[in-house]
Amino acid sequence: MFTGIVEEIGTVREVQRRDRGYALTIACATVLDDTRPGDSLAVNGVCLTVTHLGERGCTVGLSPETRSRTNLASLKSGTPVNLERSVTPTTRLGGHFVQGHVDGTGTVQRFRADEDAMWATVQAEPALLRYVVPKGYVALDGVSLTVVEVGMDWFTVTLVAYTQQHITLPRQQAGYRINIEVDILGKYVEKMLMSRDHPSLPSPSSTGITFDMLAEHGYV
């Protein structure tokens, strides 16, 4: 689990093909603190497992399926990437609940400057947009951002000056393929509604989440 608050911009050193996947070596420093082999590390929003630690970086494992379904397929030596360690019981939740399970990718259509802020418009498939709502959260390349507007096949987010300086998105160009993870709460709400309207479907009530609880807290 992650928060969508990038801790560091790392730099890809090497991408190696292995027998059953890939080894991605990243130059970094901040995220090495208190990290051990086997720990989770979000790379552009994708939850990967640390396999090796060095003095100036680390190596993570990458499966062929994950590589093909995310923008990690385009990584090469010198590419900057957003990095975040998994949360601990004492981590402040500055963003929102991010699982590191990318739901799909979108295409950055354009950037627009608005004084110190930057607007980014992202084109996405309807299957993802159904979970994207104005003033809701979305994770783009692992960055927790607030949605401003939603169209038929696009949505926009804004980046304040501080955020622009600490993530990779402002370095990209129109046409960039970006990782998208929608807010998991939207999926839970949909599941609850489907279970209510179709009683034969498995119900998630065993997890403690009920339709009444969601209604009480304003989710439905």
Protein backbone atom coordinates (compact mmCIF):
# COMPACT_ATOMS: atom_id res chain seq x y z
CA MET A 1 0.00 0.00 0.00
CA PHE A 2 1.21 3.52 -0.86
CA THR A 3 0.00 7.10 -0.45
CA GLY A 4 0.76 8.60 -3.85
CA ILE A 5 3.29 11.04 -2.37
CA VAL A 6 6.51 10.60 -4.35
CA GLU A 7 9.57 10.44 -2.12
CA GLU A 8 12.23 10.68 -4.77
CA ILE A 9 12.85 10.82 -8.51
CA GLY A 10 15.18 7.98 -9.36
CA THR A 11 17.07 7.34 -12.60
CA VAL A 12 17.03 4.05 -14.46
CA ARG A 13 20.54 2.65 -14.74
CA GLU A 14 19.88 -0.58 -16.55
CA VAL A 15 17.11 -2.90 -17.73
CA GLN A 16 18.23 -6.52 -17.94
CA ARG A 17 16.34 -9.43 -19.46
CA ARG A 18 16.18 -12.41 -17.14
CA ASP A 19 14.91 -15.96 -17.72
CA ARG A 20 11.41 -15.23 -16.46
CA GLY A 21 11.26 -11.45 -16.49
CA TYR A 22 13.34 -8.32 -16.14
CA ALA A 23 15.67 -6.75 -13.59
CA LEU A 24 15.34 -2.99 -13.31
CA THR A 25 18.27 -1.21 -11.65
CA ILE A 26 17.54 2.32 -10.40
CA ALA A 27 19.87 4.98 -9.05
CA CYS A 28 18.32 6.42 -5.90
CA ALA A 29 19.11 7.41 -2.31
CA THR A 30 16.15 8.47 -0.17
CA VAL A 31 14.10 5.31 -0.67
CA LEU A 32 17.06 3.12 0.31
CA ASP A 33 16.68 4.12 3.94
CA ASP A 34 15.17 1.25 5.95
CA THR A 35 14.54 -0.75 2.77
CA ARG A 36 15.43 -4.43 2.57
CA PRO A 37 15.31 -7.07 -0.15
CA GLY A 38 11.74 -8.32 -0.38
CA ASP A 39 10.21 -4.93 0.40
CA SER A 40 7.78 -3.23 -1.97
CA LEU A 41 8.72 -0.15 -3.96
CA ALA A 42 6.40 1.81 -6.24
CA VAL A 43 8.09 2.66 -9.54
CA ASN A 44 5.91 5.03 -11.58
CA GLY A 45 3.03 3.74 -9.47
CA VAL A 46 3.74 0.05 -10.07
CA CYS A 47 4.32 -2.05 -6.96
CA LEU A 48 7.56 -4.01 -7.48
CA THR A 49 9.71 -6.12 -5.19
CA VAL A 50 13.23 -5.04 -4.25
CA THR A 51 15.65 -7.86 -5.06
CA HIS A 52 18.99 -6.19 -4.40
CA LEU A 53 20.30 -3.12 -2.57
CA GLY A 54 23.46 -1.21 -3.43
CA GLU A 55 25.12 1.91 -2.01
CA ARG A 56 23.71 4.12 -4.74
CA GLY A 57 20.60 2.31 -5.87
CA CYS A 58 18.53 -0.84 -5.94
CA THR A 59 17.22 -3.51 -8.28
CA VAL A 60 13.58 -4.55 -8.58
CA GLY A 61 11.99 -7.48 -10.39
CA LEU A 62 9.60 -6.88 -13.26
CA SER A 63 7.38 -9.54 -14.84
CA PRO A 64 6.70 -9.54 -18.61
CA GLU A 65 2.96 -9.06 -18.02
CA THR A 66 3.43 -6.04 -15.76
CA ARG A 67 5.92 -4.58 -18.20
CA SER A 68 3.52 -4.90 -21.13
CA ARG A 69 0.52 -3.48 -19.24
CA THR A 70 2.30 -0.36 -17.95
CA ASN A 71 4.64 2.31 -19.23
CA LEU A 72 7.59 0.48 -17.66
CA ALA A 73 8.03 -1.16 -21.07
CA SER A 74 9.49 2.11 -22.36
CA LEU A 75 12.09 2.50 -19.62
CA LYS A 76 15.73 2.72 -20.62
CA SER A 77 18.98 3.92 -19.11
CA GLY A 78 18.64 7.54 -18.01
CA THR A 79 14.83 7.56 -17.71
CA PRO A 80 13.56 9.34 -14.56
CA VAL A 81 10.99 7.47 -12.47
CA ASN A 82 8.79 8.31 -9.48
CA LEU A 83 9.66 6.28 -6.38
CA GLU A 84 7.77 5.65 -3.14
CA ARG A 85 8.30 3.11 -0.38
CA SER A 86 5.32 1.19 0.94
CA VAL A 87 3.56 2.68 3.96
CA THR A 88 4.16 1.68 7.56
CA PRO A 89 1.75 1.93 10.54
CA THR A 90 3.26 5.36 11.33
CA THR A 91 3.21 6.79 7.80
CA ARG A 92 1.17 9.96 7.33
CA LEU A 93 -1.47 9.52 4.63
CA GLY A 94 -0.78 12.68 2.68
CA GLY A 95 -2.41 11.49 -0.53
CA HIS A 96 -4.91 8.62 -0.80
CA PHE A 97 -4.87 4.82 -0.71
CA VAL A 98 -2.77 3.66 -3.66
CA GLN A 99 -2.27 -0.08 -4.11
CA GLY A 100 0.40 -0.02 -6.77
CA HIS A 101 -1.81 -2.14 -9.03
CA VAL A 102 -2.06 -0.08 -12.20
CA ASP A 103 -5.51 -0.36 -13.80
CA GLY A 104 -4.39 0.75 -17.25
CA THR A 105 -2.63 3.48 -19.14
CA GLY A 106 -3.73 6.73 -20.69
CA THR A 107 -2.23 9.30 -23.03
CA VAL A 108 -1.32 12.82 -21.99
CA GLN A 109 -3.08 15.02 -24.53
CA ARG A 110 -1.76 18.41 -23.49
CA PHE A 111 -0.31 20.59 -20.76
CA ARG A 112 -1.46 24.09 -19.92
CA ALA A 113 0.22 26.60 -17.62
CA ASP A 114 -1.97 28.64 -15.26
CA GLU A 115 0.29 31.03 -13.35
CA ASP A 116 2.32 28.72 -11.07
CA ALA A 117 0.03 25.74 -11.62
CA MET A 118 0.02 23.28 -14.49
CA TRP A 119 -3.02 21.55 -15.98
CA ALA A 120 -2.66 18.14 -17.60
CA THR A 121 -5.34 16.51 -19.75
CA VAL A 122 -5.25 12.73 -19.98
CA GLN A 123 -7.14 10.58 -22.46
CA ALA A 124 -8.35 7.27 -21.01
CA GLU A 125 -10.61 4.33 -21.80
CA PRO A 126 -14.27 4.36 -20.61
CA ALA A 127 -13.53 1.34 -18.41
CA LEU A 128 -11.24 3.58 -16.34
CA LEU A 129 -13.21 6.82 -16.61
CA ARG A 130 -16.24 5.23 -14.91
CA TYR A 131 -14.24 5.47 -11.66
CA VAL A 132 -12.89 9.00 -12.25
CA VAL A 133 -14.99 11.83 -10.80
CA PRO A 134 -14.45 15.57 -10.32
CA LYS A 135 -12.80 16.33 -6.96
CA GLY A 136 -11.97 12.64 -6.61
CA TYR A 137 -8.54 11.07 -6.55
CA VAL A 138 -6.53 9.37 -9.26
CA ALA A 139 -2.94 8.13 -9.25
CA LEU A 140 -0.90 9.04 -12.33
CA ASP A 141 2.51 7.36 -12.48
CA GLY A 142 2.05 6.80 -8.76
CA VAL A 143 1.24 10.45 -7.94
CA SER A 144 -1.92 11.15 -5.95
CA LEU A 145 -3.75 13.95 -7.78
CA THR A 146 -7.19 15.55 -7.56
CA VAL A 147 -9.40 15.35 -10.63
CA VAL A 148 -10.72 18.71 -11.87
CA GLU A 149 -12.85 17.87 -14.89
CA VAL A 150 -14.04 14.70 -16.62
CA GLY A 151 -15.11 14.42 -20.26
CA MET A 152 -16.30 11.62 -22.52
CA ASP A 153 -12.80 10.22 -23.00
CA TRP A 154 -10.58 12.48 -20.91
CA PHE A 155 -10.00 14.06 -17.53
CA THR A 156 -7.85 16.88 -16.21
CA VAL A 157 -5.71 17.31 -13.11
CA THR A 158 -3.74 20.27 -11.78
CA LEU A 159 -0.25 20.30 -10.35
CA VAL A 160 0.87 23.00 -7.93
CA ALA A 161 4.42 24.35 -8.21
CA TYR A 162 5.81 22.14 -5.43
CA THR A 163 4.40 18.96 -6.97
CA GLN A 164 5.81 19.89 -10.38
CA GLN A 165 9.30 20.02 -8.90
CA HIS A 166 9.10 16.59 -7.26
CA ILE A 167 7.57 14.32 -9.93
CA THR A 168 8.41 13.34 -13.48
CA LEU A 169 5.20 14.38 -15.28
CA PRO A 170 6.24 17.99 -16.10
CA ARG A 171 9.27 16.55 -17.91
CA GLN A 172 7.08 14.66 -20.36
CA GLN A 173 5.57 15.72 -23.66
CA ALA A 174 2.10 15.40 -25.17
CA GLY A 175 1.59 11.81 -26.28
CA TYR A 176 3.27 10.36 -23.20
CA ARG A 177 1.82 7.02 -22.04
CA ILE A 178 0.99 7.36 -18.34
CA ASN A 179 0.07 4.75 -15.73
CA ILE A 180 -3.39 5.14 -14.20
CA GLU A 181 -4.71 3.67 -10.96
CA VAL A 182 -8.25 4.69 -10.06
CA ASP A 183 -9.45 5.17 -6.49
CA ILE A 184 -10.13 1.75 -4.96
CA LEU A 185 -13.14 3.16 -3.06
CA GLY A 186 -14.98 3.56 -6.35
CA LYS A 187 -14.56 -0.14 -7.07
CA TYR A 188 -15.84 -1.07 -3.61
CA VAL A 189 -18.92 1.11 -4.07
CA GLU A 190 -19.62 -0.46 -7.45
CA LYS A 191 -19.26 -3.93 -5.96
CA MET A 192 -21.67 -3.08 -3.14
CA LEU A 193 -24.26 -1.73 -5.58
CA MET A 194 -23.97 -4.80 -7.80
CA SER A 195 -24.36 -7.07 -4.78
CA ARG A 196 -27.49 -5.19 -3.71
CA ASP A 197 -29.07 -5.27 -7.17
CA HIS A 198 -27.94 -8.82 -7.92
CA PRO A 199 -28.13 -10.86 -4.68
CA SER A 200 -26.75 -13.96 -6.40
CA LEU A 201 -23.35 -12.28 -6.76
CA PRO A 202 -20.76 -12.75 -3.99
CA SER A 203 -21.12 -10.08 -1.31
CA PRO A 204 -18.15 -8.22 0.20
CA SER A 205 -20.00 -7.82 3.52
CA SER A 206 -17.63 -10.31 5.14
CA THR A 207 -14.92 -7.63 4.91
CA GLY A 208 -16.96 -5.32 7.15
CA ILE A 209 -17.98 -3.03 4.29
CA THR A 210 -21.76 -2.85 3.97
CA PHE A 211 -24.15 -0.78 1.85
CA ASP A 212 -25.49 0.93 4.99
CA MET A 213 -21.96 1.82 6.10
CA LEU A 214 -21.14 3.35 2.69
CA ALA A 215 -24.40 5.34 2.72
CA GLU A 216 -23.74 6.57 6.24
CA HIS A 217 -20.39 7.98 5.21
CA GLY A 218 -21.69 9.58 2.02
CA TYR A 219 -20.20 7.21 -0.57
CA VAL A 220 -23.60 6.22 -2.03
